[in-house]
PDB file of all heavy atoms in Angstrom:
ATOM      1  N   PHE A   1     136.776 118.205 197.430  1.00  0.00           N
ATOM      2  CA  PHE A   1     138.114 118.729 197.714  1.00  0.00           C
ATOM      3  C   PHE A   1     139.140 118.148 196.742  1.00  0.00           C
ATOM      4  O   PHE A   1     140.017 118.858 196.239  1.00  0.00           O
ATOM      5  CB  PHE A   1     138.529 118.394 199.148  1.00  0.00           C
ATOM      6  CG  PHE A   1     137.925 119.303 200.175  1.00  0.00           C
ATOM      7  CD1 PHE A   1     137.752 118.872 201.485  1.00  0.00           C
ATOM      8  CD2 PHE A   1     137.526 120.593 199.855  1.00  0.00           C
ATOM      9  CE1 PHE A   1     137.202 119.708 202.450  1.00  0.00           C
ATOM     10  CE2 PHE A   1     136.973 121.443 200.803  1.00  0.00           C
ATOM     11  CZ  PHE A   1     136.812 120.996 202.106  1.00  0.00           C
ATOM     12  N   GLY A   2     139.026 116.848 196.496  1.00  0.00           N
ATOM     13  CA  GLY A   2     139.978 116.190 195.602  1.00  0.00           C
ATOM     14  C   GLY A   2     139.891 116.727 194.187  1.00  0.00           C
ATOM     15  O   GLY A   2     140.917 116.991 193.547  1.00  0.00           O
ATOM     16  N   ALA A   3     138.663 116.893 193.683  1.00  0.00           N
ATOM     17  CA  ALA A   3     138.474 117.430 192.336  1.00  0.00           C
ATOM     18  C   ALA A   3     138.965 118.873 192.251  1.00  0.00           C
ATOM     19  O   ALA A   3     139.566 119.283 191.253  1.00  0.00           O
ATOM     20  CB  ALA A   3     137.003 117.344 191.953  1.00  0.00           C
ATOM     21  N   TYR A   4     138.711 119.648 193.321  1.00  0.00           N
ATOM     22  CA  TYR A   4     139.146 121.040 193.336  1.00  0.00           C
ATOM     23  C   TYR A   4     140.666 121.136 193.382  1.00  0.00           C
ATOM     24  O   TYR A   4     141.253 122.042 192.760  1.00  0.00           O
ATOM     25  CB  TYR A   4     138.536 121.761 194.538  1.00  0.00           C
ATOM     26  CG  TYR A   4     139.025 123.177 194.712  1.00  0.00           C
ATOM     27  CD1 TYR A   4     138.541 124.205 193.904  1.00  0.00           C
ATOM     28  CD2 TYR A   4     139.983 123.479 195.687  1.00  0.00           C
ATOM     29  CE1 TYR A   4     138.993 125.508 194.060  1.00  0.00           C
ATOM     30  CE2 TYR A   4     140.440 124.775 195.846  1.00  0.00           C
ATOM     31  CZ  TYR A   4     139.945 125.788 195.028  1.00  0.00           C
ATOM     32  OH  TYR A   4     140.409 127.070 195.178  1.00  0.00           O
ATOM     33  N   TRP A   5     141.312 120.213 194.096  1.00  0.00           N
ATOM     34  CA  TRP A   5     142.757 120.270 194.254  1.00  0.00           C
ATOM     35  C   TRP A   5     143.489 120.087 192.928  1.00  0.00           C
ATOM     36  O   TRP A   5     144.640 120.538 192.787  1.00  0.00           O
ATOM     37  CB  TRP A   5     143.204 119.202 195.245  1.00  0.00           C
ATOM     38  CG  TRP A   5     144.587 119.438 195.778  1.00  0.00           C
ATOM     39  CD1 TRP A   5     145.731 118.813 195.409  1.00  0.00           C
ATOM     40  CD2 TRP A   5     144.959 120.389 196.786  1.00  0.00           C
ATOM     41  NE1 TRP A   5     146.793 119.296 196.114  1.00  0.00           N
ATOM     42  CE2 TRP A   5     146.354 120.274 196.969  1.00  0.00           C
ATOM     43  CE3 TRP A   5     144.241 121.313 197.549  1.00  0.00           C
ATOM     44  CZ2 TRP A   5     147.041 121.052 197.878  1.00  0.00           C
ATOM     45  CZ3 TRP A   5     144.936 122.099 198.454  1.00  0.00           C
ATOM     46  CH2 TRP A   5     146.318 121.956 198.614  1.00  0.00           C
ATOM     47  N   VAL A   6     142.846 119.439 191.969  1.00  0.00           N
ATOM     48  CA  VAL A   6     143.449 119.266 190.646  1.00  0.00           C
ATOM     49  C   VAL A   6     143.800 120.625 190.051  1.00  0.00           C
ATOM     50  O   VAL A   6     144.834 120.786 189.386  1.00  0.00           O
ATOM     51  CB  VAL A   6     142.497 118.490 189.706  1.00  0.00           C
ATOM     52  CG1 VAL A   6     143.049 118.451 188.284  1.00  0.00           C
ATOM     53  CG2 VAL A   6     142.280 117.072 190.222  1.00  0.00           C
ATOM     54  N   ASN A   7     142.959 121.621 190.287  1.00  0.00           N
ATOM     55  CA  ASN A   7     143.195 122.958 189.736  1.00  0.00           C
ATOM     56  C   ASN A   7     144.393 123.647 190.375  1.00  0.00           C
ATOM     57  O   ASN A   7     144.903 124.632 189.825  1.00  0.00           O
ATOM     58  CB  ASN A   7     141.949 123.838 189.938  1.00  0.00           C
ATOM     59  CG  ASN A   7     140.739 123.293 189.193  1.00  0.00           C
ATOM     60  OD1 ASN A   7     140.869 122.785 188.093  1.00  0.00           O
ATOM     61  ND2 ASN A   7     139.572 123.394 189.817  1.00  0.00           N
ATOM     62  N   ASN A   8     144.835 123.160 191.538  1.00  0.00           N
ATOM     63  CA  ASN A   8     145.958 123.775 192.238  1.00  0.00           C
ATOM     64  C   ASN A   8     147.304 123.140 191.901  1.00  0.00           C
ATOM     65  O   ASN A   8     148.330 123.557 192.440  1.00  0.00           O
ATOM     66  CB  ASN A   8     145.739 123.702 193.757  1.00  0.00           C
ATOM     67  CG  ASN A   8     144.560 124.539 194.205  1.00  0.00           C
ATOM     68  OD1 ASN A   8     144.263 125.573 193.625  1.00  0.00           O
ATOM     69  ND2 ASN A   8     143.875 124.076 195.240  1.00  0.00           N
ATOM     70  N   LEU A   9     147.291 122.109 191.042  1.00  0.00           N
ATOM     71  CA  LEU A   9     148.543 121.449 190.677  1.00  0.00           C
ATOM     72  C   LEU A   9     149.395 122.367 189.816  1.00  0.00           C
ATOM     73  O   LEU A   9     148.892 123.092 188.959  1.00  0.00           O
ATOM     74  CB  LEU A   9     148.252 120.155 189.907  1.00  0.00           C
ATOM     75  CG  LEU A   9     147.582 119.015 190.671  1.00  0.00           C
ATOM     76  CD1 LEU A   9     147.302 117.857 189.722  1.00  0.00           C
ATOM     77  CD2 LEU A   9     148.449 118.554 191.831  1.00  0.00           C
ATOM     78  N   THR A  10     150.692 122.302 190.034  1.00  0.00           N
ATOM     79  CA  THR A  10     151.607 123.067 189.189  1.00  0.00           C
ATOM     80  C   THR A  10     151.713 122.395 187.820  1.00  0.00           C
ATOM     81  O   THR A  10     151.378 121.212 187.664  1.00  0.00           O
ATOM     82  CB  THR A  10     153.005 123.131 189.818  1.00  0.00           C
ATOM     83  OG1 THR A  10     153.542 121.805 189.915  1.00  0.00           O
ATOM     84  CG2 THR A  10     152.939 123.759 191.198  1.00  0.00           C
ATOM     85  N   ILE A  11     152.175 123.143 186.859  1.00  0.00           N
ATOM     86  CA  ILE A  11     152.331 122.603 185.500  1.00  0.00           C
ATOM     87  C   ILE A  11     153.300 121.430 185.503  1.00  0.00           C
ATOM     88  O   ILE A  11     153.079 120.419 184.823  1.00  0.00           O
ATOM     89  CB  ILE A  11     152.822 123.703 184.537  1.00  0.00           C
ATOM     90  CG1 ILE A  11     151.770 124.806 184.413  1.00  0.00           C
ATOM     91  CG2 ILE A  11     153.149 123.110 183.164  1.00  0.00           C
ATOM     92  CD1 ILE A  11     152.199 125.976 183.572  1.00  0.00           C
ATOM     93  N   GLU A  12     154.366 121.535 186.279  1.00  0.00           N
ATOM     94  CA  GLU A  12     155.356 120.456 186.343  1.00  0.00           C
ATOM     95  C   GLU A  12     154.741 119.178 186.898  1.00  0.00           C
ATOM     96  O   GLU A  12     154.995 118.082 186.394  1.00  0.00           O
ATOM     97  CB  GLU A  12     156.546 120.884 187.226  1.00  0.00           C
ATOM     98  CG  GLU A  12     157.398 121.995 186.669  1.00  0.00           C
ATOM     99  CD  GLU A  12     156.774 123.368 186.849  1.00  0.00           C
ATOM    100  OE1 GLU A  12     155.747 123.464 187.564  1.00  0.00           O
ATOM    101  OE2 GLU A  12     157.295 124.337 186.276  1.00  0.00           O
ATOM    102  N   THR A  13     153.913 119.318 187.942  1.00  0.00           N
ATOM    103  CA  THR A  13     153.267 118.146 188.528  1.00  0.00           C
ATOM    104  C   THR A  13     152.275 117.526 187.564  1.00  0.00           C
ATOM    105  O   THR A  13     152.199 116.288 187.427  1.00  0.00           O
ATOM    106  CB  THR A  13     152.538 118.529 189.833  1.00  0.00           C
ATOM    107  OG1 THR A  13     153.462 119.136 190.731  1.00  0.00           O
ATOM    108  CG2 THR A  13     151.931 117.302 190.489  1.00  0.00           C
ATOM    109  N   ARG A  14     151.515 118.360 186.852  1.00  0.00           N
ATOM    110  CA  ARG A  14     150.570 117.853 185.847  1.00  0.00           C
ATOM    111  C   ARG A  14     151.300 117.066 184.768  1.00  0.00           C
ATOM    112  O   ARG A  14     150.878 115.971 184.386  1.00  0.00           O
ATOM    113  CB  ARG A  14     149.807 119.014 185.203  1.00  0.00           C
ATOM    114  CG  ARG A  14     148.742 119.645 186.064  1.00  0.00           C
ATOM    115  CD  ARG A  14     148.166 120.863 185.352  1.00  0.00           C
ATOM    116  NE  ARG A  14     147.172 121.542 186.159  1.00  0.00           N
ATOM    117  CZ  ARG A  14     145.881 121.260 186.125  1.00  0.00           C
ATOM    118  NH1 ARG A  14     145.433 120.315 185.316  1.00  0.00           N
ATOM    119  NH2 ARG A  14     145.024 121.909 186.893  1.00  0.00           N
ATOM    120  N   ASP A  15     152.407 117.638 184.281  1.00  0.00           N
ATOM    121  CA  ASP A  15     153.172 116.975 183.227  1.00  0.00           C
ATOM    122  C   ASP A  15     153.736 115.642 183.705  1.00  0.00           C
ATOM    123  O   ASP A  15     153.717 114.646 182.979  1.00  0.00           O
ATOM    124  CB  ASP A  15     154.315 117.877 182.747  1.00  0.00           C
ATOM    125  CG  ASP A  15     153.818 119.089 181.973  1.00  0.00           C
ATOM    126  OD1 ASP A  15     152.652 119.051 181.509  1.00  0.00           O
ATOM    127  OD2 ASP A  15     154.582 120.061 181.834  1.00  0.00           O
ATOM    128  N   LEU A  16     154.224 115.628 184.936  1.00  0.00           N
ATOM    129  CA  LEU A  16     154.793 114.403 185.497  1.00  0.00           C
ATOM    130  C   LEU A  16     153.731 113.315 185.605  1.00  0.00           C
ATOM    131  O   LEU A  16     153.957 112.160 185.196  1.00  0.00           O
ATOM    132  CB  LEU A  16     155.395 114.694 186.873  1.00  0.00           C
ATOM    133  CG  LEU A  16     156.030 113.504 187.601  1.00  0.00           C
ATOM    134  CD1 LEU A  16     157.220 112.976 186.801  1.00  0.00           C
ATOM    135  CD2 LEU A  16     156.462 113.900 189.006  1.00  0.00           C
ATOM    136  N   LEU A  17     152.573 113.660 186.130  1.00  0.00           N
ATOM    137  CA  LEU A  17     151.488 112.690 186.270  1.00  0.00           C
ATOM    138  C   LEU A  17     150.978 112.229 184.908  1.00  0.00           C
ATOM    139  O   LEU A  17     150.682 111.046 184.709  1.00  0.00           O
ATOM    140  CB  LEU A  17     150.343 113.293 187.092  1.00  0.00           C
ATOM    141  CG  LEU A  17     150.623 113.532 188.579  1.00  0.00           C
ATOM    142  CD1 LEU A  17     149.464 114.276 189.231  1.00  0.00           C
ATOM    143  CD2 LEU A  17     150.867 112.215 189.298  1.00  0.00           C
ATOM    144  N   SER A  18     150.874 113.155 183.968  1.00  0.00           N
ATOM    145  CA  SER A  18     150.400 112.812 182.628  1.00  0.00           C
ATOM    146  C   SER A  18     151.361 111.839 181.945  1.00  0.00           C
ATOM    147  O   SER A  18     150.929 110.868 181.311  1.00  0.00           O
ATOM    148  CB  SER A  18     150.243 114.074 181.772  1.00  0.00           C
ATOM    149  OG  SER A  18     149.257 114.925 182.312  1.00  0.00           O
ATOM    150  N   ARG A  19     152.672 112.087 182.085  1.00  0.00           N
ATOM    151  CA  ARG A  19     153.659 111.183 181.475  1.00  0.00           C
ATOM    152  C   ARG A  19     153.589 109.802 182.110  1.00  0.00           C
ATOM    153  O   ARG A  19     153.736 108.775 181.433  1.00  0.00           O
ATOM    154  CB  ARG A  19     155.071 111.770 181.632  1.00  0.00           C
ATOM    155  CG  ARG A  19     155.359 112.942 180.706  1.00  0.00           C
ATOM    156  CD  ARG A  19     156.871 113.181 180.590  1.00  0.00           C
ATOM    157  NE  ARG A  19     157.465 113.499 181.879  1.00  0.00           N
ATOM    158  CZ  ARG A  19     157.575 114.729 182.360  1.00  0.00           C
ATOM    159  NH1 ARG A  19     157.112 115.762 181.659  1.00  0.00           N
ATOM    160  NH2 ARG A  19     158.146 114.943 183.527  1.00  0.00           N
ATOM    161  N   TYR A  20     153.356 109.783 183.413  1.00  0.00           N
ATOM    162  CA  TYR A  20     153.245 108.500 184.114  1.00  0.00           C
ATOM    163  C   TYR A  20     152.055 107.698 183.579  1.00  0.00           C
ATOM    164  O   TYR A  20     152.168 106.495 183.318  1.00  0.00           O
ATOM    165  CB  TYR A  20     153.085 108.740 185.614  1.00  0.00           C
ATOM    166  CG  TYR A  20     152.862 107.484 186.415  1.00  0.00           C
ATOM    167  CD1 TYR A  20     153.922 106.665 186.785  1.00  0.00           C
ATOM    168  CD2 TYR A  20     151.573 107.097 186.789  1.00  0.00           C
ATOM    169  CE1 TYR A  20     153.718 105.502 187.503  1.00  0.00           C
ATOM    170  CE2 TYR A  20     151.353 105.940 187.516  1.00  0.00           C
ATOM    171  CZ  TYR A  20     152.429 105.151 187.871  1.00  0.00           C
ATOM    172  OH  TYR A  20     152.206 103.991 188.570  1.00  0.00           O
ATOM    173  N   ILE A  21     150.921 108.370 183.394  1.00  0.00           N
ATOM    174  CA  ILE A  21     149.720 107.691 182.909  1.00  0.00           C
ATOM    175  C   ILE A  21     149.889 107.248 181.461  1.00  0.00           C
ATOM    176  O   ILE A  21     149.504 106.130 181.087  1.00  0.00           O
ATOM    177  CB  ILE A  21     148.480 108.599 183.066  1.00  0.00           C
ATOM    178  CG1 ILE A  21     148.198 108.843 184.553  1.00  0.00           C
ATOM    179  CG2 ILE A  21     147.254 107.972 182.405  1.00  0.00           C
ATOM    180  CD1 ILE A  21     147.115 109.857 184.818  1.00  0.00           C
ATOM    181  N   TYR A  22     150.486 108.103 180.626  1.00  0.00           N
ATOM    182  CA  TYR A  22     150.751 107.725 179.237  1.00  0.00           C
ATOM    183  C   TYR A  22     151.690 106.521 179.181  1.00  0.00           C
ATOM    184  O   TYR A  22     151.534 105.620 178.351  1.00  0.00           O
ATOM    185  CB  TYR A  22     151.368 108.895 178.464  1.00  0.00           C
ATOM    186  CG  TYR A  22     150.349 109.805 177.830  1.00  0.00           C
ATOM    187  CD1 TYR A  22     150.338 111.172 178.128  1.00  0.00           C
ATOM    188  CD2 TYR A  22     149.406 109.313 176.926  1.00  0.00           C
ATOM    189  CE1 TYR A  22     149.402 112.024 177.557  1.00  0.00           C
ATOM    190  CE2 TYR A  22     148.470 110.158 176.356  1.00  0.00           C
ATOM    191  CZ  TYR A  22     148.474 111.503 176.663  1.00  0.00           C
ATOM    192  OH  TYR A  22     147.554 112.333 176.091  1.00  0.00           O
ATOM    193  N   GLY A  23     152.670 106.513 180.068  1.00  0.00           N
ATOM    194  CA  GLY A  23     153.579 105.363 180.121  1.00  0.00           C
ATOM    195  C   GLY A  23     152.852 104.090 180.508  1.00  0.00           C
ATOM    196  O   GLY A  23     153.123 103.013 179.966  1.00  0.00           O
ATOM    197  N   PHE A  24     151.910 104.219 181.431  1.00  0.00           N
ATOM    198  CA  PHE A  24     151.095 103.067 181.834  1.00  0.00           C
ATOM    199  C   PHE A  24     150.282 102.551 180.660  1.00  0.00           C
ATOM    200  O   PHE A  24     150.217 101.344 180.413  1.00  0.00           O
ATOM    201  CB  PHE A  24     150.178 103.475 182.985  1.00  0.00           C
ATOM    202  CG  PHE A  24     149.194 102.425 183.392  1.00  0.00           C
ATOM    203  CD1 PHE A  24     149.594 101.315 184.123  1.00  0.00           C
ATOM    204  CD2 PHE A  24     147.852 102.525 183.043  1.00  0.00           C
ATOM    205  CE1 PHE A  24     148.691 100.333 184.491  1.00  0.00           C
ATOM    206  CE2 PHE A  24     146.935 101.562 183.406  1.00  0.00           C
ATOM    207  CZ  PHE A  24     147.367 100.454 184.138  1.00  0.00           C
ATOM    208  N   PHE A  25     149.665 103.474 179.905  1.00  0.00           N
ATOM    209  CA  PHE A  25     148.877 103.086 178.730  1.00  0.00           C
ATOM    210  C   PHE A  25     149.734 102.344 177.712  1.00  0.00           C
ATOM    211  O   PHE A  25     149.309 101.330 177.140  1.00  0.00           O
ATOM    212  CB  PHE A  25     148.264 104.316 178.060  1.00  0.00           C
ATOM    213  CG  PHE A  25     147.131 104.944 178.834  1.00  0.00           C
ATOM    214  CD1 PHE A  25     146.740 106.250 178.594  1.00  0.00           C
ATOM    215  CD2 PHE A  25     146.457 104.235 179.808  1.00  0.00           C
ATOM    216  CE1 PHE A  25     145.706 106.835 179.295  1.00  0.00           C
ATOM    217  CE2 PHE A  25     145.420 104.805 180.525  1.00  0.00           C
ATOM    218  CZ  PHE A  25     145.052 106.118 180.273  1.00  0.00           C
ATOM    219  N   SER A  26     150.931 102.854 177.485  1.00  0.00           N
ATOM    220  CA  SER A  26     151.786 102.276 176.443  1.00  0.00           C
ATOM    221  C   SER A  26     152.339 100.917 176.834  1.00  0.00           C
ATOM    222  O   SER A  26     152.668 100.098 175.970  1.00  0.00           O
ATOM    223  CB  SER A  26     152.949 103.229 176.138  1.00  0.00           C
ATOM    224  OG  SER A  26     153.770 103.414 177.276  1.00  0.00           O
ATOM    225  N   LEU A  27     152.449 100.646 178.128  1.00  0.00           N
ATOM    226  CA  LEU A  27     153.013  99.378 178.578  1.00  0.00           C
ATOM    227  C   LEU A  27     152.000  98.238 178.560  1.00  0.00           C
ATOM    228  O   LEU A  27     152.380  97.071 178.433  1.00  0.00           O
ATOM    229  CB  LEU A  27     153.573  99.519 179.996  1.00  0.00           C
ATOM    230  CG  LEU A  27     154.903 100.271 180.134  1.00  0.00           C
ATOM    231  CD1 LEU A  27     155.238 100.460 181.605  1.00  0.00           C
ATOM    232  CD2 LEU A  27     156.021  99.523 179.432  1.00  0.00           C
ATOM    233  N   ILE A  28     150.718  98.568 178.701  1.00  0.00           N
ATOM    234  CA  ILE A  28     149.703  97.516 178.808  1.00  0.00           C
ATOM    235  C   ILE A  28     149.661  96.607 177.584  1.00  0.00           C
ATOM    236  O   ILE A  28     149.606  95.372 177.731  1.00  0.00           O
ATOM    237  CB  ILE A  28     148.306  98.130 179.077  1.00  0.00           C
ATOM    238  CG1 ILE A  28     148.294  98.789 180.458  1.00  0.00           C
ATOM    239  CG2 ILE A  28     147.221  97.053 179.014  1.00  0.00           C
ATOM    240  CD1 ILE A  28     146.990  99.469 180.796  1.00  0.00           C
ATOM    241  N   PRO A  29     149.666  97.135 176.338  1.00  0.00           N
ATOM    242  CA  PRO A  29     149.614  96.218 175.192  1.00  0.00           C
ATOM    243  C   PRO A  29     150.819  95.305 175.096  1.00  0.00           C
ATOM    244  O   PRO A  29     150.741  94.213 174.535  1.00  0.00           O
ATOM    245  CB  PRO A  29     149.562  97.184 173.992  1.00  0.00           C
ATOM    246  CG  PRO A  29     149.096  98.474 174.535  1.00  0.00           C
ATOM    247  CD  PRO A  29     149.670  98.541 175.923  1.00  0.00           C
ATOM    248  N   VAL A  30     151.967  95.753 175.631  1.00  0.00           N
ATOM    249  CA  VAL A  30     153.198  94.968 175.524  1.00  0.00           C
ATOM    250  C   VAL A  30     153.310  93.960 176.657  1.00  0.00           C
ATOM    251  O   VAL A  30     153.711  92.809 176.464  1.00  0.00           O
ATOM    252  CB  VAL A  30     154.436  95.909 175.541  1.00  0.00           C
ATOM    253  CG1 VAL A  30     155.723  95.091 175.457  1.00  0.00           C
ATOM    254  CG2 VAL A  30     154.339  96.909 174.408  1.00  0.00           C
ATOM    255  N   ASN A  31     152.957  94.384 177.837  1.00  0.00           N
ATOM    256  CA  ASN A  31     153.081  93.528 179.023  1.00  0.00           C
ATOM    257  C   ASN A  31     151.705  93.225 179.614  1.00  0.00           C
ATOM    258  O   ASN A  31     150.881  94.123 179.755  1.00  0.00           O
ATOM    259  CB  ASN A  31     153.941  94.212 180.097  1.00  0.00           C
ATOM    260  CG  ASN A  31     155.325  94.558 179.590  1.00  0.00           C
ATOM    261  OD1 ASN A  31     156.115  93.673 179.328  1.00  0.00           O
ATOM    262  ND2 ASN A  31     155.608  95.847 179.453  1.00  0.00           N
ATOM    263  N   GLU A  32     151.505  91.964 179.959  1.00  0.00           N
ATOM    264  CA  GLU A  32     150.272  91.573 180.632  1.00  0.00           C
ATOM    265  C   GLU A  32     150.260  92.154 182.042  1.00  0.00           C
ATOM    266  O   GLU A  32     151.284  92.205 182.723  1.00  0.00           O
ATOM    267  CB  GLU A  32     150.180  90.046 180.712  1.00  0.00           C
ATOM    268  CG  GLU A  32     149.850  89.370 179.396  1.00  0.00           C
ATOM    269  CD  GLU A  32     148.448  89.696 178.922  1.00  0.00           C
ATOM    270  OE1 GLU A  32     147.538  89.761 179.755  1.00  0.00           O
ATOM    271  OE2 GLU A  32     148.280  89.902 177.709  1.00  0.00           O
ATOM    272  N   LEU A  33     149.102  92.621 182.467  1.00  0.00           N
ATOM    273  CA  LEU A  33     148.971  93.100 183.835  1.00  0.00           C
ATOM    274  C   LEU A  33     149.103  91.922 184.796  1.00  0.00           C
ATOM    275  O   LEU A  33     148.466  90.885 184.614  1.00  0.00           O
ATOM    276  CB  LEU A  33     147.616  93.796 184.021  1.00  0.00           C
ATOM    277  CG  LEU A  33     147.428  95.115 183.272  1.00  0.00           C
ATOM    278  CD1 LEU A  33     145.985  95.593 183.403  1.00  0.00           C
ATOM    279  CD2 LEU A  33     148.373  96.175 183.812  1.00  0.00           C
ATOM    280  N   ASP A  34     149.941  92.076 185.776  1.00  0.00           N
ATOM    281  CA  ASP A  34     150.190  91.017 186.761  1.00  0.00           C
ATOM    282  C   ASP A  34     149.102  91.077 187.829  1.00  0.00           C
ATOM    283  O   ASP A  34     149.176  91.878 188.760  1.00  0.00           O
ATOM    284  CB  ASP A  34     151.570  91.189 187.380  1.00  0.00           C
ATOM    285  CG  ASP A  34     151.971  89.992 188.230  1.00  0.00           C
ATOM    286  OD1 ASP A  34     151.086  89.199 188.603  1.00  0.00           O
ATOM    287  OD2 ASP A  34     153.171  89.854 188.534  1.00  0.00           O
TER     288      ASP A  34
END
């Protein structure tokens, strides 16, 4: 169900989640994970 639900996400939601993950990636080299 969870994997299938990914296909039902709106474009706006996909973009928002993708930006969040990219932001997480970019912060790791600069800041140590607490």
